Amino acid sequence: MTDVINETSQTNAAEAPPVSPAKQASAKRGGRPRPPGQRQPQAARPQQAPRPVNPLLQRLFELYPKLFGAKFLPLKLGVFQDLLARHPEDFKKDELKIAMGQHARSTPYLDSVAAGLPRHDLDGNPVEPVAPEHVHHAILEIFRRRQARSREDLRPRLRLRLIQAIEASGLSREDYAALVRVQDEATNALVDDALAEMAVQAAKREALLRAFEASGKTEAEFADMYGMNPAEVAATLARVRADKAGPAVDPA
């Protein structure tokens, strides 16, 4: 963040009454004196000129608008070598490496990774999922950038996004935590917060299943007995049964 740095007429006492400091400052500004307690207006921050676009990124947009256009898509691992092989006349290795680094660090690209979209090849075909740890780190980086610009506490939103990412990963809470654990304890605390909320939700689902099994009722009767939405009850019971069963094993 860049701080903006802000920056008397003498009157003959024999000819005129004393002039207050406020009026002296006003006279120097050529304006009317401010009422007591009124703050001096802050100077408007100069607008920063837009950062120039790397010409190689512009060229990539022209060649692959579906990947580098208005909406970015995650790129397959090894796409850097694919670009050099396909367009040796357009790109030099060192210059392309810089341009691709700028692209991969951009917020729109991180958004596409955080959303869990699959990686794509140069022809726009989805070829592989993004690794859970890559999704995770993209979510955290977006959170840090947006939190730095916001007075609102964005941690509740982060918690929800992390829970969604953990569930989509197909990993257990323990395996996910081991995969994304880093040395920064503040970052680990954010992950632990999401994992703790998931544990609370799982306990509630299991309690619902136990109450249903003890009731001897059908799902519809059980929902009606407690004034619950039958569809939500059915979905919750199906989910907790699937969680207890564990992932399906593909026979060799």
Protein backbone atom coordinates (compact mmCIF):
# COMPACT_ATOMS: atom_id res chain seq x y z
CA MET A 1 0.00 0.00 0.00
CA THR A 2 1.32 3.40 -0.90
CA ASP A 3 0.81 6.15 1.59
CA VAL A 4 -0.16 9.54 0.28
CA ILE A 5 1.89 12.38 1.91
CA ASN A 6 -0.02 15.69 2.40
CA GLU A 7 1.73 19.07 2.73
CA THR A 8 0.73 33.53 6.64
CA SER A 9 -0.21 36.37 5.58
CA GLN A 10 1.13 38.88 8.13
CA THR A 11 -1.32 41.62 9.20
CA ASN A 12 -0.33 44.92 10.68
CA ALA A 13 -1.70 44.82 14.25
CA ALA A 14 -2.14 48.57 14.34
CA GLU A 15 -4.35 48.56 11.26
CA ALA A 16 -6.47 45.46 11.81
CA PRO A 17 -7.68 43.27 14.66
CA PRO A 18 -5.79 40.06 15.44
CA VAL A 19 -6.35 37.21 13.02
CA SER A 20 -6.85 33.66 14.34
CA PRO A 21 -4.53 30.88 13.16
CA ALA A 22 -7.48 29.23 11.40
CA LYS A 23 -8.18 32.40 9.44
CA GLN A 24 -4.49 32.82 8.67
CA ALA A 25 -4.36 29.29 7.28
CA SER A 26 -7.55 29.99 5.37
CA ALA A 27 -6.10 33.18 3.92
CA LYS A 28 -3.02 31.27 2.82
CA ARG A 29 -5.28 28.76 1.06
CA GLY A 30 -7.33 31.54 -0.46
CA GLY A 31 -10.54 30.02 0.93
CA ARG A 32 -13.01 30.47 3.76
CA PRO A 33 -12.04 29.44 7.29
CA ARG A 34 -13.13 25.93 8.38
CA PRO A 35 -15.44 25.65 11.36
CA PRO A 36 -13.73 24.35 14.51
CA GLY A 37 -13.38 20.54 14.57
CA GLN A 38 -13.82 20.11 10.81
CA ARG A 39 -11.02 18.08 9.28
CA GLN A 40 -9.11 19.26 6.30
CA PRO A 41 -10.23 17.28 3.25
CA GLN A 42 -7.68 14.70 2.20
CA ALA A 43 -6.14 15.14 -1.17
CA ALA A 44 -7.51 12.70 -3.72
CA ARG A 45 -5.21 9.78 -4.34
CA PRO A 46 -3.69 9.90 -7.77
CA GLN A 47 -4.98 7.12 -9.97
CA GLN A 48 -2.32 4.60 -10.86
CA ALA A 49 -1.79 4.00 -14.53
CA PRO A 50 -2.87 0.49 -15.57
CA ARG A 51 -0.01 -1.97 -15.64
CA PRO A 52 1.08 -2.62 -19.23
CA VAL A 53 0.16 -6.04 -20.55
CA ASN A 54 3.03 -8.35 -21.35
CA PRO A 55 3.02 -8.61 -25.17
CA LEU A 56 3.50 -12.38 -24.90
CA LEU A 57 0.29 -12.66 -22.90
CA GLN A 58 -1.46 -10.67 -25.61
CA ARG A 59 -0.07 -13.11 -28.17
CA LEU A 60 -1.28 -16.08 -26.09
CA PHE A 61 -4.74 -14.52 -25.98
CA GLU A 62 -4.73 -14.21 -29.77
CA LEU A 63 -3.65 -17.84 -30.19
CA TYR A 64 -5.79 -19.38 -27.43
CA PRO A 65 -8.70 -17.10 -26.48
CA LYS A 66 -10.52 -19.93 -24.67
CA LEU A 67 -7.57 -20.38 -22.31
CA PHE A 68 -6.17 -16.87 -22.00
CA GLY A 69 -9.26 -14.78 -22.81
CA ALA A 70 -11.94 -13.22 -20.66
CA LYS A 71 -12.19 -16.44 -18.64
CA PHE A 72 -9.03 -18.30 -17.67
CA LEU A 73 -8.84 -22.08 -17.40
CA PRO A 74 -6.30 -24.15 -15.46
CA LEU A 75 -3.53 -25.33 -17.77
CA LYS A 76 -2.15 -28.85 -17.98
CA LEU A 77 1.21 -29.56 -16.43
CA GLY A 78 3.83 -29.28 -19.15
CA VAL A 79 1.94 -26.69 -21.19
CA PHE A 80 5.06 -24.50 -21.18
CA GLN A 81 6.96 -27.09 -23.21
CA ASP A 82 3.91 -27.58 -25.45
CA LEU A 83 3.88 -23.87 -26.29
CA LEU A 84 7.58 -23.81 -27.12
CA ALA A 85 7.21 -26.88 -29.34
CA ARG A 86 4.13 -25.59 -31.14
CA HIS A 87 5.24 -21.97 -31.59
CA PRO A 88 9.05 -21.80 -31.77
CA GLU A 89 8.83 -18.66 -33.91
CA ASP A 90 6.60 -16.80 -31.44
CA PHE A 91 8.22 -17.44 -28.08
CA LYS A 92 11.67 -17.42 -26.55
CA LYS A 93 12.09 -19.70 -23.55
CA ASP A 94 13.10 -17.09 -20.95
CA GLU A 95 10.51 -14.54 -22.06
CA LEU A 96 7.73 -17.14 -22.12
CA LYS A 97 8.71 -18.33 -18.63
CA ILE A 98 8.22 -14.78 -17.31
CA ALA A 99 4.88 -14.36 -19.08
CA MET A 100 3.55 -17.72 -17.88
CA GLY A 101 4.61 -16.89 -14.34
CA GLN A 102 2.65 -13.64 -14.49
CA HIS A 103 -0.36 -15.51 -15.83
CA ALA A 104 -0.22 -18.24 -13.18
CA ARG A 105 0.04 -15.68 -10.36
CA SER A 106 -2.87 -13.58 -11.60
CA THR A 107 -6.02 -13.55 -9.50
CA PRO A 108 -8.32 -14.66 -12.37
CA TYR A 109 -6.14 -17.71 -12.98
CA LEU A 110 -5.98 -18.54 -9.27
CA ASP A 111 -9.78 -18.21 -9.18
CA SER A 112 -10.08 -20.88 -11.87
CA VAL A 113 -7.76 -23.20 -9.94
CA ALA A 114 -9.56 -22.56 -6.64
CA ALA A 115 -12.88 -23.41 -8.30
CA GLY A 116 -11.59 -26.93 -8.92
CA LEU A 117 -11.89 -26.73 -12.70
CA PRO A 118 -9.88 -29.41 -14.57
CA ARG A 119 -6.61 -28.66 -16.28
CA HIS A 120 -6.79 -28.14 -20.04
CA ASP A 121 -4.44 -28.69 -22.95
CA LEU A 122 -3.78 -26.12 -25.66
CA ASP A 123 -6.72 -27.37 -27.68
CA GLY A 124 -9.09 -26.60 -24.79
CA ASN A 125 -9.67 -30.22 -23.80
CA PRO A 126 -9.90 -31.10 -20.08
CA VAL A 127 -7.12 -33.58 -19.44
CA GLU A 128 -6.57 -33.93 -15.68
CA PRO A 129 -7.89 -32.69 -12.34
CA VAL A 130 -6.06 -30.06 -10.36
CA ALA A 131 -4.30 -31.62 -7.37
CA PRO A 132 -6.08 -30.93 -4.05
CA GLU A 133 -3.05 -29.12 -2.65
CA HIS A 134 -2.99 -26.77 -5.65
CA VAL A 135 -6.68 -25.98 -5.18
CA HIS A 136 -6.03 -25.41 -1.48
CA HIS A 137 -3.12 -23.01 -1.95
CA ALA A 138 -5.04 -21.06 -4.60
CA ILE A 139 -7.96 -20.61 -2.19
CA LEU A 140 -5.64 -19.33 0.54
CA GLU A 141 -3.82 -16.91 -1.78
CA ILE A 142 -7.10 -15.43 -3.02
CA PHE A 143 -8.24 -15.06 0.59
CA ARG A 144 -5.05 -13.20 1.54
CA ARG A 145 -5.36 -10.80 -1.39
CA ARG A 146 -9.01 -10.00 -0.79
CA GLN A 147 -8.66 -9.77 2.99
CA ALA A 148 -5.88 -7.20 2.54
CA ARG A 149 -8.33 -4.95 0.67
CA SER A 150 -11.40 -5.54 2.84
CA ARG A 151 -12.42 -4.34 6.29
CA GLU A 152 -14.77 -7.30 6.56
CA ASP A 153 -13.54 -10.47 8.20
CA LEU A 154 -13.50 -12.94 5.31
CA ARG A 155 -12.55 -15.98 7.38
CA PRO A 156 -16.12 -17.40 7.50
CA ARG A 157 -16.17 -17.42 3.69
CA LEU A 158 -12.73 -18.99 3.63
CA ARG A 159 -13.90 -21.71 6.03
CA LEU A 160 -16.79 -22.58 3.70
CA ARG A 161 -14.54 -22.70 0.63
CA LEU A 162 -12.03 -24.91 2.41
CA ILE A 163 -14.78 -27.29 3.53
CA GLN A 164 -16.02 -27.54 -0.06
CA ALA A 165 -12.47 -28.19 -1.29
CA ILE A 166 -11.84 -30.86 1.35
CA GLU A 167 -15.08 -32.65 0.47
CA ALA A 168 -14.34 -32.43 -3.26
CA SER A 169 -10.83 -33.83 -2.78
CA GLY A 170 -12.15 -37.24 -1.76
CA LEU A 171 -9.59 -37.37 1.06
CA SER A 172 -10.28 -37.93 4.71
CA ARG A 173 -9.90 -34.95 7.00
CA GLU A 174 -6.71 -36.42 8.40
CA ASP A 175 -5.15 -37.10 4.99
CA TYR A 176 -6.08 -33.65 3.72
CA ALA A 177 -4.55 -31.96 6.77
CA ALA A 178 -1.31 -33.92 6.30
CA LEU A 179 -1.20 -32.99 2.61
CA VAL A 180 -1.56 -29.22 3.04
CA ARG A 181 0.19 -28.69 6.37
CA VAL A 182 2.85 -25.95 6.17
CA GLN A 183 5.30 -24.31 8.58
CA ASP A 184 3.19 -21.16 8.97
CA GLU A 185 1.02 -21.74 12.04
CA ALA A 186 -1.44 -18.99 11.12
CA THR A 187 -2.19 -20.79 7.86
CA ASN A 188 -2.49 -24.13 9.64
CA ALA A 189 -4.95 -22.55 12.08
CA LEU A 190 -7.22 -21.59 9.17
CA VAL A 191 -7.20 -25.19 7.97
CA ASP A 192 -7.80 -26.53 11.49
CA ASP A 193 -10.80 -24.22 11.81
CA ALA A 194 -12.37 -25.69 8.67
CA LEU A 195 -11.59 -29.25 9.76
CA ALA A 196 -13.14 -28.63 13.18
CA GLU A 197 -16.33 -27.30 11.58
CA MET A 198 -16.46 -30.38 9.35
CA ALA A 199 -16.15 -32.61 12.42
CA VAL A 200 -19.05 -30.80 14.08
CA GLN A 201 -21.21 -31.21 10.98
CA ALA A 202 -20.32 -34.90 10.69
CA ALA A 203 -21.26 -35.47 14.35
CA LYS A 204 -24.64 -33.84 13.76
CA ARG A 205 -25.29 -36.07 10.75
CA GLU A 206 -24.36 -39.19 12.70
CA ALA A 207 -26.64 -38.14 15.56
CA LEU A 208 -29.50 -37.75 13.09
CA LEU A 209 -28.86 -41.23 11.72
CA ARG A 210 -28.87 -42.76 15.21
CA ALA A 211 -32.13 -40.97 16.08
CA PHE A 212 -33.70 -42.17 12.83
CA GLU A 213 -32.63 -45.78 13.35
CA ALA A 214 -33.94 -45.72 16.93
CA SER A 215 -37.30 -44.23 15.87
CA GLY A 216 -38.50 -47.20 13.86
CA LYS A 217 -40.11 -44.74 11.43
CA THR A 218 -39.80 -44.32 7.70
CA GLU A 219 -37.77 -41.36 6.50
CA ALA A 220 -40.93 -39.44 5.65
CA GLU A 221 -42.52 -40.21 9.06
CA PHE A 222 -39.31 -39.27 10.87
CA ALA A 223 -39.10 -35.95 9.02
CA ASP A 224 -42.75 -35.19 9.77
CA MET A 225 -42.32 -36.09 13.44
CA TYR A 226 -39.57 -33.47 13.85
CA GLY A 227 -40.96 -30.92 11.39
CA MET A 228 -38.03 -31.37 9.00
CA ASN A 229 -37.85 -31.22 5.24
CA PRO A 230 -38.18 -34.83 3.98
CA ALA A 231 -35.81 -34.26 1.07
CA GLU A 232 -33.13 -32.79 3.37
CA VAL A 233 -33.53 -35.67 5.82
CA ALA A 234 -33.17 -38.22 3.02
CA ALA A 235 -30.09 -36.47 1.63
CA THR A 236 -28.46 -36.21 5.06
CA LEU A 237 -29.10 -39.85 5.89
CA ALA A 238 -27.77 -40.94 2.51
CA ARG A 239 -24.64 -38.89 3.02
CA VAL A 240 -23.83 -40.20 6.48
CA ARG A 241 -24.38 -43.78 5.31
CA ALA A 242 -21.96 -43.16 2.44
CA ASP A 243 -19.43 -41.62 4.83
CA LYS A 244 -19.64 -44.64 7.11
CA ALA A 245 -19.29 -47.04 4.19
CA GLY A 246 -16.12 -45.30 3.00
CA PRO A 247 -14.85 -44.94 -0.59
CA ALA A 248 -15.69 -47.69 -3.03
CA VAL A 249 -12.79 -50.03 -3.80
CA ASP A 250 -12.08 -50.66 -7.46
CA PRO A 251 -11.44 -54.41 -7.85
CA ALA A 252 -8.15 -55.20 -9.50
